[in-house]
C-alpha cells in the first residue's frame, strides 16, 4: 500500500467508527502490536487490548468527533491527517474545538502500526 488513496481507504472507516464509538470496527484497522498515544495520560500504549481500553475509558468521560480534512503522504512512508477535533463533555457542553494532526505508520499489510497526535 503506497498511495494516499489506499491509506485513506483504511483511515476514513476508522474515523467514522470512532465517531460512532464502534470500538470493534475501530480495532479492525490496527496491527496487533499497534502503538498509540494516550493523550489523556501522556503515555504511549501498545497492543489492541490497551488501545481498546483507552478508547472505552475516553468514551466514558468525553464525546469526541473527528473530521479528517486532508491526507498527506510523507517522504518516510507515513501518512499525516489534518483533523478538525471537537470534544464535548457528556452533558453536551463544548470542551474544545481545534485542529490537530494525526501521523500514522502502517505495516506492510496495510494495518496501522502507530499513531502520533500533535
PDB file of N, CA and C in Angstrom:
ATOM      1  N   UNK A   1       0.842  -1.167   0.000  1.00  0.00           N
ATOM      2  CA  UNK A   1       0.000   0.000   0.000  1.00  0.00           C
ATOM      3  C   UNK A   1       0.893   1.238   0.000  1.00  0.00           C
ATOM      4  N   UNK A   2       0.739   2.088  -1.007  1.00  0.00           N
ATOM      5  CA  UNK A   2       1.604   3.255  -1.059  1.00  0.00           C
ATOM      6  C   UNK A   2       0.875   4.558  -1.341  1.00  0.00           C
ATOM      7  N   UNK A   3      -0.263   4.524  -2.002  1.00  0.00           N
ATOM      8  CA  UNK A   3      -0.902   5.782  -2.355  1.00  0.00           C
ATOM      9  C   UNK A   3      -1.722   6.335  -1.196  1.00  0.00           C
ATOM     10  N   UNK A   4      -1.882   7.644  -1.204  1.00  0.00           N
ATOM     11  CA  UNK A   4      -2.689   8.296  -0.179  1.00  0.00           C
ATOM     12  C   UNK A   4      -4.115   7.746  -0.221  1.00  0.00           C
ATOM     13  N   UNK A   5      -4.616   7.484  -1.414  1.00  0.00           N
ATOM     14  CA  UNK A   5      -5.981   6.960  -1.538  1.00  0.00           C
ATOM     15  C   UNK A   5      -6.119   5.601  -0.853  1.00  0.00           C
ATOM     16  N   UNK A   6      -5.093   4.759  -0.957  1.00  0.00           N
ATOM     17  CA  UNK A   6      -5.142   3.442  -0.309  1.00  0.00           C
ATOM     18  C   UNK A   6      -5.153   3.613   1.218  1.00  0.00           C
ATOM     19  N   UNK A   7      -4.341   4.506   1.734  1.00  0.00           N
ATOM     20  CA  UNK A   7      -4.329   4.751   3.176  1.00  0.00           C
ATOM     21  C   UNK A   7      -5.643   5.383   3.629  1.00  0.00           C
ATOM     22  N   UNK A   8      -6.160   6.274   2.821  1.00  0.00           N
ATOM     23  CA  UNK A   8      -7.428   6.931   3.131  1.00  0.00           C
ATOM     24  C   UNK A   8      -8.544   5.895   3.249  1.00  0.00           C
ATOM     25  N   UNK A   9      -8.477   4.846   2.427  1.00  0.00           N
ATOM     26  CA  UNK A   9      -9.485   3.785   2.472  1.00  0.00           C
ATOM     27  C   UNK A   9      -9.450   3.032   3.802  1.00  0.00           C
ATOM     28  N   UNK A  10      -8.314   3.012   4.473  1.00  0.00           N
ATOM     29  CA  UNK A  10      -8.195   2.397   5.803  1.00  0.00           C
ATOM     30  C   UNK A  10      -8.611   3.400   6.880  1.00  0.00           C
ATOM     31  N   UNK A  11      -8.193   4.647   6.728  1.00  0.00           N
ATOM     32  CA  UNK A  11      -8.390   5.637   7.782  1.00  0.00           C
ATOM     33  C   UNK A  11      -9.810   6.198   7.867  1.00  0.00           C
ATOM     34  N   UNK A  12     -10.452   6.431   6.735  1.00  0.00           N
ATOM     35  CA  UNK A  12     -11.800   7.013   6.791  1.00  0.00           C
ATOM     36  C   UNK A  12     -12.782   6.139   7.573  1.00  0.00           C
ATOM     37  N   UNK A  13     -12.811   4.810   7.335  1.00  0.00           N
ATOM     38  CA  UNK A  13     -13.702   3.976   8.154  1.00  0.00           C
ATOM     39  C   UNK A  13     -13.327   3.995   9.637  1.00  0.00           C
ATOM     40  N   UNK A  14     -12.050   4.156   9.943  1.00  0.00           N
ATOM     41  CA  UNK A  14     -11.619   4.250  11.340  1.00  0.00           C
ATOM     42  C   UNK A  14     -12.186   5.515  11.989  1.00  0.00           C
ATOM     43  N   UNK A  15     -12.080   6.645  11.310  1.00  0.00           N
ATOM     44  CA  UNK A  15     -12.633   7.887  11.839  1.00  0.00           C
ATOM     45  C   UNK A  15     -14.156   7.793  11.981  1.00  0.00           C
ATOM     46  N   UNK A  16     -14.820   7.208  10.996  1.00  0.00           N
ATOM     47  CA  UNK A  16     -16.278   7.043  11.069  1.00  0.00           C
ATOM     48  C   UNK A  16     -16.661   6.158  12.249  1.00  0.00           C
ATOM     49  N   UNK A  17     -15.945   5.057  12.449  1.00  0.00           N
ATOM     50  CA  UNK A  17     -16.211   4.157  13.574  1.00  0.00           C
ATOM     51  C   UNK A  17     -15.955   4.880  14.899  1.00  0.00           C
ATOM     52  N   UNK A  18     -14.893   5.673  14.963  1.00  0.00           N
ATOM     53  CA  UNK A  18     -14.595   6.437  16.178  1.00  0.00           C
ATOM     54  C   UNK A  18     -15.758   7.363  16.513  1.00  0.00           C
ATOM     55  N   UNK A  19     -16.274   8.059  15.520  1.00  0.00           N
ATOM     56  CA  UNK A  19     -17.369   8.994  15.757  1.00  0.00           C
ATOM     57  C   UNK A  19     -18.643   8.286  16.206  1.00  0.00           C
ATOM     58  N   UNK A  20     -18.797   7.020  15.838  1.00  0.00           N
ATOM     59  CA  UNK A  20     -19.939   6.205  16.297  1.00  0.00           C
ATOM     60  C   UNK A  20     -19.639   5.501  17.615  1.00  0.00           C
ATOM     61  N   UNK A  21     -18.402   5.589  18.070  1.00  0.00           N
ATOM     62  CA  UNK A  21     -17.904   4.871  19.250  1.00  0.00           C
ATOM     63  C   UNK A  21     -18.024   3.358  19.055  1.00  0.00           C
ATOM     64  N   UNK A  22     -17.759   2.912  17.842  1.00  0.00           N
ATOM     65  CA  UNK A  22     -17.809   1.493  17.476  1.00  0.00           C
ATOM     66  C   UNK A  22     -16.408   0.908  17.613  1.00  0.00           C
ATOM     67  N   UNK A  23     -16.055   0.554  18.837  1.00  0.00           N
ATOM     68  CA  UNK A  23     -14.690   0.103  19.129  1.00  0.00           C
ATOM     69  C   UNK A  23     -14.303  -1.143  18.339  1.00  0.00           C
ATOM     70  N   UNK A  24     -15.140  -2.177  18.229  1.00  0.00           N
ATOM     71  CA  UNK A  24     -14.732  -3.344  17.428  1.00  0.00           C
ATOM     72  C   UNK A  24     -14.361  -2.973  15.983  1.00  0.00           C
ATOM     73  N   UNK A  25     -15.125  -2.079  15.367  1.00  0.00           N
ATOM     74  CA  UNK A  25     -14.805  -1.650  13.997  1.00  0.00           C
ATOM     75  C   UNK A  25     -13.511  -0.853  13.969  1.00  0.00           C
ATOM     76  N   UNK A  26     -13.267  -0.070  15.012  1.00  0.00           N
ATOM     77  CA  UNK A  26     -12.037   0.718  15.078  1.00  0.00           C
ATOM     78  C   UNK A  26     -10.814  -0.189  15.164  1.00  0.00           C
ATOM     79  N   UNK A  27     -10.930  -1.269  15.902  1.00  0.00           N
ATOM     80  CA  UNK A  27      -9.792  -2.171  16.109  1.00  0.00           C
ATOM     81  C   UNK A  27      -9.408  -2.937  14.852  1.00  0.00           C
ATOM     82  N   UNK A  28     -10.338  -3.101  13.919  1.00  0.00           N
ATOM     83  CA  UNK A  28     -10.069  -3.882  12.705  1.00  0.00           C
ATOM     84  C   UNK A  28      -8.893  -3.357  11.897  1.00  0.00           C
ATOM     85  N   UNK A  29      -8.682  -2.053  11.911  1.00  0.00           N
ATOM     86  CA  UNK A  29      -7.609  -1.470  11.114  1.00  0.00           C
ATOM     87  C   UNK A  29      -6.265  -1.398  11.815  1.00  0.00           C
ATOM     88  N   UNK A  30      -6.182  -1.951  13.045  1.00  0.00           N
ATOM     89  CA  UNK A  30      -4.958  -1.843  13.828  1.00  0.00           C
ATOM     90  C   UNK A  30      -4.152  -3.133  13.802  1.00  0.00           C
ATOM     91  N   UNK A  31      -2.850  -2.995  13.685  1.00  0.00           N
ATOM     92  CA  UNK A  31      -1.932  -4.119  13.813  1.00  0.00           C
ATOM     93  C   UNK A  31      -1.994  -4.627  15.262  1.00  0.00           C
ATOM     94  N   UNK A  32      -1.843  -5.930  15.504  1.00  0.00           N
ATOM     95  CA  UNK A  32      -1.876  -6.429  16.884  1.00  0.00           C
ATOM     96  C   UNK A  32      -0.867  -5.751  17.811  1.00  0.00           C
ATOM     97  N   UNK A  33       0.254  -5.298  17.280  1.00  0.00           N
ATOM     98  CA  UNK A  33       1.272  -4.632  18.091  1.00  0.00           C
ATOM     99  C   UNK A  33       1.226  -3.119  18.009  1.00  0.00           C
ATOM    100  N   UNK A  34       0.083  -2.564  17.655  1.00  0.00           N
ATOM    101  CA  UNK A  34      -0.067  -1.128  17.457  1.00  0.00           C
ATOM    102  C   UNK A  34       0.439  -0.329  18.658  1.00  0.00           C
ATOM    103  N   UNK A  35       1.033   0.816  18.359  1.00  0.00           N
ATOM    104  CA  UNK A  35       1.434   1.776  19.391  1.00  0.00           C
ATOM    105  C   UNK A  35       0.568   3.014  19.211  1.00  0.00           C
ATOM    106  N   UNK A  36      -0.001   3.491  20.320  1.00  0.00           N
ATOM    107  CA  UNK A  36      -0.968   4.588  20.275  1.00  0.00           C
ATOM    108  C   UNK A  36      -0.676   5.543  21.412  1.00  0.00           C
ATOM    109  N   UNK A  37      -0.831   6.808  21.182  1.00  0.00           N
ATOM    110  CA  UNK A  37      -0.594   7.808  22.220  1.00  0.00           C
ATOM    111  C   UNK A  37      -1.860   8.006  23.048  1.00  0.00           C
ATOM    112  N   UNK A  38      -1.757   7.769  24.328  1.00  0.00           N
ATOM    113  CA  UNK A  38      -2.830   8.048  25.283  1.00  0.00           C
ATOM    114  C   UNK A  38      -2.664   9.519  25.660  1.00  0.00           C
ATOM    115  N   UNK A  39      -3.405  10.388  24.984  1.00  0.00           N
ATOM    116  CA  UNK A  39      -3.229  11.823  25.200  1.00  0.00           C
ATOM    117  C   UNK A  39      -3.794  12.274  26.539  1.00  0.00           C
ATOM    118  N   UNK A  40      -4.713  11.523  27.099  1.00  0.00           N
ATOM    119  CA  UNK A  40      -5.282  11.898  28.398  1.00  0.00           C
ATOM    120  C   UNK A  40      -4.269  11.744  29.523  1.00  0.00           C
ATOM    121  N   UNK A  41      -3.406  10.718  29.411  1.00  0.00           N
ATOM    122  CA  UNK A  41      -2.430  10.444  30.468  1.00  0.00           C
ATOM    123  C   UNK A  41      -0.992  10.718  30.044  1.00  0.00           C
ATOM    124  N   UNK A  42      -0.775  11.105  28.789  1.00  0.00           N
ATOM    125  CA  UNK A  42       0.560  11.456  28.314  1.00  0.00           C
ATOM    126  C   UNK A  42       1.519  10.290  28.208  1.00  0.00           C
ATOM    127  N   UNK A  43       1.007   9.108  27.874  1.00  0.00           N
ATOM    128  CA  UNK A  43       1.864   7.921  27.756  1.00  0.00           C
ATOM    129  C   UNK A  43       1.587   7.199  26.440  1.00  0.00           C
ATOM    130  N   UNK A  44       2.536   6.382  26.032  1.00  0.00           N
ATOM    131  CA  UNK A  44       2.380   5.550  24.844  1.00  0.00           C
ATOM    132  C   UNK A  44       1.835   4.194  25.302  1.00  0.00           C
ATOM    133  N   UNK A  45       0.829   3.683  24.612  1.00  0.00           N
ATOM    134  CA  UNK A  45       0.292   2.366  24.937  1.00  0.00           C
ATOM    135  C   UNK A  45       0.526   1.439  23.761  1.00  0.00           C
ATOM    136  N   UNK A  46       0.513   0.135  24.023  1.00  0.00           N
ATOM    137  CA  UNK A  46       0.844  -0.816  22.963  1.00  0.00           C
ATOM    138  C   UNK A  46      -0.125  -1.985  22.969  1.00  0.00           C
ATOM    139  N   UNK A  47      -0.575  -2.353  21.765  1.00  0.00           N
ATOM    140  CA  UNK A  47      -1.436  -3.508  21.578  1.00  0.00           C
ATOM    141  C   UNK A  47      -2.903  -3.124  21.477  1.00  0.00           C
ATOM    142  N   UNK A  48      -3.643  -3.953  20.744  1.00  0.00           N
ATOM    143  CA  UNK A  48      -5.068  -3.683  20.539  1.00  0.00           C
ATOM    144  C   UNK A  48      -5.847  -3.606  21.845  1.00  0.00           C
ATOM    145  N   UNK A  49      -5.552  -4.500  22.797  1.00  0.00           N
ATOM    146  CA  UNK A  49      -6.295  -4.506  24.068  1.00  0.00           C
ATOM    147  C   UNK A  49      -6.092  -3.194  24.823  1.00  0.00           C
ATOM    148  N   UNK A  50      -4.875  -2.681  24.821  1.00  0.00           N
ATOM    149  CA  UNK A  50      -4.596  -1.421  25.506  1.00  0.00           C
ATOM    150  C   UNK A  50      -5.301  -0.254  24.818  1.00  0.00           C
ATOM    151  N   UNK A  51      -5.307  -0.261  23.492  1.00  0.00           N
ATOM    152  CA  UNK A  51      -5.981   0.803  22.753  1.00  0.00           C
ATOM    153  C   UNK A  51      -7.494   0.711  22.974  1.00  0.00           C
ATOM    154  N   UNK A  52      -8.021  -0.497  22.981  1.00  0.00           N
ATOM    155  CA  UNK A  52      -9.448  -0.686  23.240  1.00  0.00           C
ATOM    156  C   UNK A  52      -9.823  -0.124  24.617  1.00  0.00           C
ATOM    157  N   UNK A  53      -9.059  -0.461  25.639  1.00  0.00           N
ATOM    158  CA  UNK A  53      -9.327   0.028  26.996  1.00  0.00           C
ATOM    159  C   UNK A  53      -9.237   1.559  27.046  1.00  0.00           C
ATOM    160  N   UNK A  54      -8.263   2.122  26.349  1.00  0.00           N
ATOM    161  CA  UNK A  54      -8.112   3.577  26.298  1.00  0.00           C
ATOM    162  C   UNK A  54      -9.349   4.227  25.689  1.00  0.00           C
ATOM    163  N   UNK A  55      -9.782   3.721  24.526  1.00  0.00           N
ATOM    164  CA  UNK A  55     -10.950   4.308  23.870  1.00  0.00           C
ATOM    165  C   UNK A  55     -12.207   4.165  24.723  1.00  0.00           C
ATOM    166  N   UNK A  56     -12.405   2.986  25.303  1.00  0.00           N
ATOM    167  CA  UNK A  56     -13.591   2.790  26.151  1.00  0.00           C
ATOM    168  C   UNK A  56     -13.580   3.751  27.335  1.00  0.00           C
ATOM    169  N   UNK A  57     -12.406   3.945  27.935  1.00  0.00           N
ATOM    170  CA  UNK A  57     -12.286   4.891  29.039  1.00  0.00           C
ATOM    171  C   UNK A  57     -12.538   6.320  28.599  1.00  0.00           C
ATOM    172  N   UNK A  58     -12.037   6.663  27.436  1.00  0.00           N
ATOM    173  CA  UNK A  58     -12.231   8.017  26.905  1.00  0.00           C
ATOM    174  C   UNK A  58     -13.712   8.284  26.664  1.00  0.00           C
ATOM    175  N   UNK A  59     -14.421   7.293  26.119  1.00  0.00           N
ATOM    176  CA  UNK A  59     -15.839   7.477  25.817  1.00  0.00           C
ATOM    177  C   UNK A  59     -16.685   7.611  27.083  1.00  0.00           C
ATOM    178  N   UNK A  60     -16.153   7.213  28.222  1.00  0.00           N
ATOM    179  CA  UNK A  60     -16.882   7.371  29.480  1.00  0.00           C
ATOM    180  C   UNK A  60     -16.804   8.797  30.031  1.00  0.00           C
ATOM    181  N   UNK A  61     -15.854   9.593  29.524  1.00  0.00           N
ATOM    182  CA  UNK A  61     -15.693  10.940  30.084  1.00  0.00           C
ATOM    183  C   UNK A  61     -15.918  12.078  29.091  1.00  0.00           C
ATOM    184  N   UNK A  62     -15.754  11.813  27.786  1.00  0.00           N
ATOM    185  CA  UNK A  62     -15.968  12.849  26.769  1.00  0.00           C
ATOM    186  C   UNK A  62     -16.563  12.228  25.508  1.00  0.00           C
ATOM    187  N   UNK A  63     -17.110  13.094  24.679  1.00  0.00           N
ATOM    188  CA  UNK A  63     -17.576  12.711  23.347  1.00  0.00           C
ATOM    189  C   UNK A  63     -16.742  13.506  22.349  1.00  0.00           C
ATOM    190  N   UNK A  64     -15.977  12.794  21.554  1.00  0.00           N
ATOM    191  CA  UNK A  64     -15.091  13.446  20.598  1.00  0.00           C
ATOM    192  C   UNK A  64     -15.557  13.146  19.181  1.00  0.00           C
ATOM    193  N   UNK A  65     -15.595  14.170  18.360  1.00  0.00           N
ATOM    194  CA  UNK A  65     -15.898  13.991  16.941  1.00  0.00           C
ATOM    195  C   UNK A  65     -14.674  14.418  16.144  1.00  0.00           C
ATOM    196  N   UNK A  66     -14.236  13.517  15.263  1.00  0.00           N
ATOM    197  CA  UNK A  66     -13.065  13.766  14.425  1.00  0.00           C
ATOM    198  C   UNK A  66     -13.493  13.857  12.975  1.00  0.00           C
ATOM    199  N   UNK A  67     -13.103  14.945  12.319  1.00  0.00           N
ATOM    200  CA  UNK A  67     -13.412  15.148  10.900  1.00  0.00           C
ATOM    201  C   UNK A  67     -12.114  15.335  10.135  1.00  0.00           C
ATOM    202  N   UNK A  68     -11.673  14.300   9.414  1.00  0.00           N
ATOM    203  CA  UNK A  68     -10.443  14.445   8.623  1.00  0.00           C
ATOM    204  C   UNK A  68     -10.627  15.506   7.539  1.00  0.00           C
ATOM    205  N   UNK A  69      -9.620  16.347   7.396  1.00  0.00           N
ATOM    206  CA  UNK A  69      -9.671  17.419   6.413  1.00  0.00           C
ATOM    207  C   UNK A  69      -8.765  17.135   5.219  1.00  0.00           C
ATOM    208  N   UNK A  70      -7.509  16.760   5.497  1.00  0.00           N
ATOM    209  CA  UNK A  70      -6.558  16.459   4.418  1.00  0.00           C
ATOM    210  C   UNK A  70      -5.706  15.253   4.805  1.00  0.00           C
ATOM    211  N   UNK A  71      -5.271  14.536   3.791  1.00  0.00           N
ATOM    212  CA  UNK A  71      -4.376  13.388   3.933  1.00  0.00           C
ATOM    213  C   UNK A  71      -3.119  13.681   3.121  1.00  0.00           C
ATOM    214  N   UNK A  72      -1.953  13.510   3.755  1.00  0.00           N
ATOM    215  CA  UNK A  72      -0.695  13.789   3.073  1.00  0.00           C
ATOM    216  C   UNK A  72       0.257  12.625   3.261  1.00  0.00           C
ATOM    217  N   UNK A  73       0.824  12.141   2.170  1.00  0.00           N
ATOM    218  CA  UNK A  73       1.841  11.088   2.232  1.00  0.00           C
ATOM    219  C   UNK A  73       3.188  11.746   2.510  1.00  0.00           C
ATOM    220  N   UNK A  74       3.876  11.295   3.551  1.00  0.00           N
ATOM    221  CA  UNK A  74       5.176  11.848   3.916  1.00  0.00           C
ATOM    222  C   UNK A  74       6.300  11.060   3.236  1.00  0.00           C
ATOM    223  N   UNK A  75       7.471  11.685   3.041  1.00  0.00           N
ATOM    224  CA  UNK A  75       8.586  11.008   2.352  1.00  0.00           C
ATOM    225  C   UNK A  75       9.025   9.698   3.017  1.00  0.00           C
ATOM    226  N   UNK A  76       8.840   9.575   4.324  1.00  0.00           N
ATOM    227  CA  UNK A  76       9.261   8.348   5.022  1.00  0.00           C
ATOM    228  C   UNK A  76       8.208   7.248   4.994  1.00  0.00           C
ATOM    229  N   UNK A  77       7.091   7.474   4.267  1.00  0.00           N
ATOM    230  CA  UNK A  77       6.055   6.455   4.131  1.00  0.00           C
ATOM    231  C   UNK A  77       4.890   6.619   5.088  1.00  0.00           C
ATOM    232  N   UNK A  78       5.032   7.488   6.079  1.00  0.00           N
ATOM    233  CA  UNK A  78       3.916   7.721   6.992  1.00  0.00           C
ATOM    234  C   UNK A  78       2.856   8.588   6.313  1.00  0.00           C
ATOM    235  N   UNK A  79       1.684   8.629   6.918  1.00  0.00           N
ATOM    236  CA  UNK A  79       0.590   9.450   6.402  1.00  0.00           C
ATOM    237  C   UNK A  79       0.156  10.423   7.496  1.00  0.00           C
ATOM    238  N   UNK A  80       0.048  11.673   7.110  1.00  0.00           N
ATOM    239  CA  UNK A  80      -0.351  12.726   8.038  1.00  0.00           C
ATOM    240  C   UNK A  80      -1.779  13.146   7.699  1.00  0.00           C
ATOM    241  N   UNK A  81      -2.621  13.213   8.723  1.00  0.00           N
ATOM    242  CA  UNK A  81      -4.015  13.615   8.531  1.00  0.00           C
ATOM    243  C   UNK A  81      -4.286  14.842   9.389  1.00  0.00           C
ATOM    244  N   UNK A  82      -4.702  15.926   8.739  1.00  0.00           N
ATOM    245  CA  UNK A  82      -5.150  17.108   9.468  1.00  0.00           C
ATOM    246  C   UNK A  82      -6.618  16.885   9.804  1.00  0.00           C
ATOM    247  N   UNK A  83      -6.954  17.099  11.079  1.00  0.00           N
ATOM    248  CA  UNK A  83      -8.265  16.721  11.588  1.00  0.00           C
ATOM    249  C   UNK A  83      -8.881  17.880  12.369  1.00  0.00           C
ATOM    250  N   UNK A  84     -10.169  18.105  12.139  1.00  0.00           N
ATOM    251  CA  UNK A  84     -10.926  19.007  12.987  1.00  0.00           C
ATOM    252  C   UNK A  84     -11.451  18.159  14.145  1.00  0.00           C
ATOM    253  N   UNK A  85     -11.094  18.526  15.368  1.00  0.00           N
ATOM    254  CA  UNK A  85     -11.453  17.744  16.556  1.00  0.00           C
ATOM    255  C   UNK A  85     -12.361  18.571  17.464  1.00  0.00           C
ATOM    256  N   UNK A  86     -13.555  18.051  17.708  1.00  0.00           N
ATOM    257  CA  UNK A  86     -14.481  18.687  18.632  1.00  0.00           C
ATOM    258  C   UNK A  86     -14.679  17.755  19.813  1.00  0.00           C
ATOM    259  N   UNK A  87     -14.417  18.258  21.014  1.00  0.00           N
ATOM    260  CA  UNK A  87     -14.549  17.462  22.235  1.00  0.00           C
ATOM    261  C   UNK A  87     -15.643  18.093  23.089  1.00  0.00           C
ATOM    262  N   UNK A  88     -16.593  17.242  23.484  1.00  0.00           N
ATOM    263  CA  UNK A  88     -17.701  17.701  24.316  1.00  0.00           C
ATOM    264  C   UNK A  88     -17.754  16.910  25.616  1.00  0.00           C
ATOM    265  N   UNK A  89     -18.175  17.593  26.668  1.00  0.00           N
ATOM    266  CA  UNK A  89     -18.454  16.902  27.930  1.00  0.00           C
ATOM    267  C   UNK A  89     -19.672  16.009  27.714  1.00  0.00           C
ATOM    268  N   UNK A  90     -19.911  15.091  28.619  1.00  0.00           N
ATOM    269  CA  UNK A  90     -21.040  14.175  28.485  1.00  0.00           C
ATOM    270  C   UNK A  90     -22.375  14.905  28.482  1.00  0.00           C
ATOM    271  N   UNK A  91     -22.428  16.094  29.083  1.00  0.00           N
ATOM    272  CA  UNK A  91     -23.673  16.869  29.083  1.00  0.00           C
ATOM    273  C   UNK A  91     -23.861  17.646  27.777  1.00  0.00           C
ATOM    274  N   UNK A  92     -22.929  17.504  26.839  1.00  0.00           N
ATOM    275  CA  UNK A  92     -23.022  18.160  25.536  1.00  0.00           C
ATOM    276  C   UNK A  92     -22.290  19.483  25.449  1.00  0.00           C
ATOM    277  N   UNK A  93     -21.827  19.992  26.582  1.00  0.00           N
ATOM    278  CA  UNK A  93     -21.110  21.259  26.571  1.00  0.00           C
ATOM    279  C   UNK A  93     -19.767  21.144  25.864  1.00  0.00           C
ATOM    280  N   UNK A  94     -19.418  22.185  25.129  1.00  0.00           N
ATOM    281  CA  UNK A  94     -18.164  22.194  24.381  1.00  0.00           C
ATOM    282  C   UNK A  94     -16.975  22.277  25.322  1.00  0.00           C
ATOM    283  N   UNK A  95     -16.026  21.373  25.156  1.00  0.00           N
ATOM    284  CA  UNK A  95     -14.789  21.380  25.932  1.00  0.00           C
ATOM    285  C   UNK A  95     -13.675  21.984  25.079  1.00  0.00           C
ATOM    286  N   UNK A  96     -13.570  21.521  23.832  1.00  0.00           N
ATOM    287  CA  UNK A  96     -12.513  22.025  22.947  1.00  0.00           C
ATOM    288  C   UNK A  96     -12.922  21.808  21.498  1.00  0.00           C
ATOM    289  N   UNK A  97     -12.490  22.720  20.651  1.00  0.00           N
ATOM    290  CA  UNK A  97     -12.638  22.568  19.208  1.00  0.00           C
ATOM    291  C   UNK A  97     -11.340  23.071  18.613  1.00  0.00           C
ATOM    292  N   UNK A  98     -10.592  22.152  18.001  1.00  0.00           N
ATOM    293  CA  UNK A  98      -9.279  22.534  17.491  1.00  0.00           C
ATOM    294  C   UNK A  98      -8.896  21.671  16.298  1.00  0.00           C
ATOM    295  N   UNK A  99      -7.896  22.138  15.618  1.00  0.00           N
ATOM    296  CA  UNK A  99      -7.327  21.373  14.506  1.00  0.00           C
ATOM    297  C   UNK A  99      -6.103  20.647  15.046  1.00  0.00           C
ATOM    298  N   UNK A 100      -6.047  19.346  14.787  1.00  0.00           N
ATOM    299  CA  UNK A 100      -4.933  18.522  15.239  1.00  0.00           C
ATOM    300  C   UNK A 100      -4.387  17.745  14.047  1.00  0.00           C
ATOM    301  N   UNK A 101      -3.218  17.159  14.245  1.00  0.00           N
ATOM    302  CA  UNK A 101      -2.610  16.327  13.207  1.00  0.00           C
ATOM    303  C   UNK A 101      -2.379  14.939  13.766  1.00  0.00           C
ATOM    304  N   UNK A 102      -2.792  13.935  13.022  1.00  0.00           N
ATOM    305  CA  UNK A 102      -2.520  12.537  13.358  1.00  0.00           C
ATOM    306  C   UNK A 102      -1.553  11.991  12.312  1.00  0.00           C
ATOM    307  N   UNK A 103      -0.441  11.431  12.765  1.00  0.00           N
ATOM    308  CA  UNK A 103       0.543  10.865  11.850  1.00  0.00           C
ATOM    309  C   UNK A 103       0.564   9.359  12.049  1.00  0.00           C
ATOM    310  N   UNK A 104       0.315   8.629  10.963  1.00  0.00           N
ATOM    311  CA  UNK A 104       0.178   7.183  11.014  1.00  0.00           C
ATOM    312  C   UNK A 104       1.348   6.480  10.340  1.00  0.00           C
ATOM    313  N   UNK A 105       1.771   5.391  10.970  1.00  0.00           N
ATOM    314  CA  UNK A 105       2.731   4.459  10.380  1.00  0.00           C
ATOM    315  C   UNK A 105       1.964   3.176  10.104  1.00  0.00           C
ATOM    316  N   UNK A 106       2.149   2.621   8.906  1.00  0.00           N
ATOM    317  CA  UNK A 106       1.431   1.413   8.503  1.00  0.00           C
ATOM    318  C   UNK A 106       2.367   0.219   8.396  1.00  0.00           C
ATOM    319  N   UNK A 107       1.820  -0.953   8.654  1.00  0.00           N
ATOM    320  CA  UNK A 107       2.560  -2.206   8.451  1.00  0.00           C
ATOM    321  C   UNK A 107       2.535  -2.530   6.958  1.00  0.00           C
ATOM    322  N   UNK A 108       3.384  -3.474   6.510  1.00  0.00           N
ATOM    323  CA  UNK A 108       3.376  -3.848   5.095  1.00  0.00           C
ATOM    324  C   UNK A 108       2.016  -4.368   4.612  1.00  0.00           C
ATOM    325  N   UNK A 109       1.221  -4.941   5.524  1.00  0.00           N
ATOM    326  CA  UNK A 109      -0.092  -5.453   5.114  1.00  0.00           C
ATOM    327  C   UNK A 109      -1.192  -4.399   5.249  1.00  0.00           C
ATOM    328  N   UNK A 110      -0.836  -3.142   5.504  1.00  0.00           N
ATOM    329  CA  UNK A 110      -1.787  -2.054   5.479  1.00  0.00           C
ATOM    330  C   UNK A 110      -2.505  -1.755   6.783  1.00  0.00           C
ATOM    331  N   UNK A 111      -2.092  -2.382   7.881  1.00  0.00           N
ATOM    332  CA  UNK A 111      -2.686  -2.086   9.179  1.00  0.00           C
ATOM    333  C   UNK A 111      -1.906  -0.976   9.870  1.00  0.00           C
ATOM    334  N   UNK A 112      -2.554  -0.278  10.772  1.00  0.00           N
ATOM    335  CA  UNK A 112      -1.911   0.822  11.477  1.00  0.00           C
ATOM    336  C   UNK A 112      -0.988   0.257  12.550  1.00  0.00           C
ATOM    337  N   UNK A 113       0.296   0.630  12.450  1.00  0.00           N
ATOM    338  CA  UNK A 113       1.305   0.223  13.435  1.00  0.00           C
ATOM    339  C   UNK A 113       1.456   1.262  14.552  1.00  0.00           C
ATOM    340  N   UNK A 114       1.221   2.539  14.200  1.00  0.00           N
ATOM    341  CA  UNK A 114       1.470   3.600  15.175  1.00  0.00           C
ATOM    342  C   UNK A 114       0.677   4.843  14.772  1.00  0.00           C
ATOM    343  N   UNK A 115       0.196   5.557  15.799  1.00  0.00           N
ATOM    344  CA  UNK A 115      -0.440   6.857  15.574  1.00  0.00           C
ATOM    345  C   UNK A 115       0.173   7.844  16.545  1.00  0.00           C
ATOM    346  N   UNK A 116       0.631   8.963  15.994  1.00  0.00           N
ATOM    347  CA  UNK A 116       1.202  10.039  16.797  1.00  0.00           C
ATOM    348  C   UNK A 116       0.391  11.299  16.586  1.00  0.00           C
ATOM    349  N   UNK A 117      -0.261  11.794  17.638  1.00  0.00           N
ATOM    350  CA  UNK A 117      -1.009  13.052  17.504  1.00  0.00           C
ATOM    351  C   UNK A 117      -0.124  14.264  17.782  1.00  0.00           C
ATOM    352  N   UNK A 118      -0.477  15.372  17.184  1.00  0.00           N
ATOM    353  CA  UNK A 118       0.215  16.624  17.502  1.00  0.00           C
ATOM    354  C   UNK A 118      -0.727  17.793  17.252  1.00  0.00           C
TER     355      UNK A 118
END
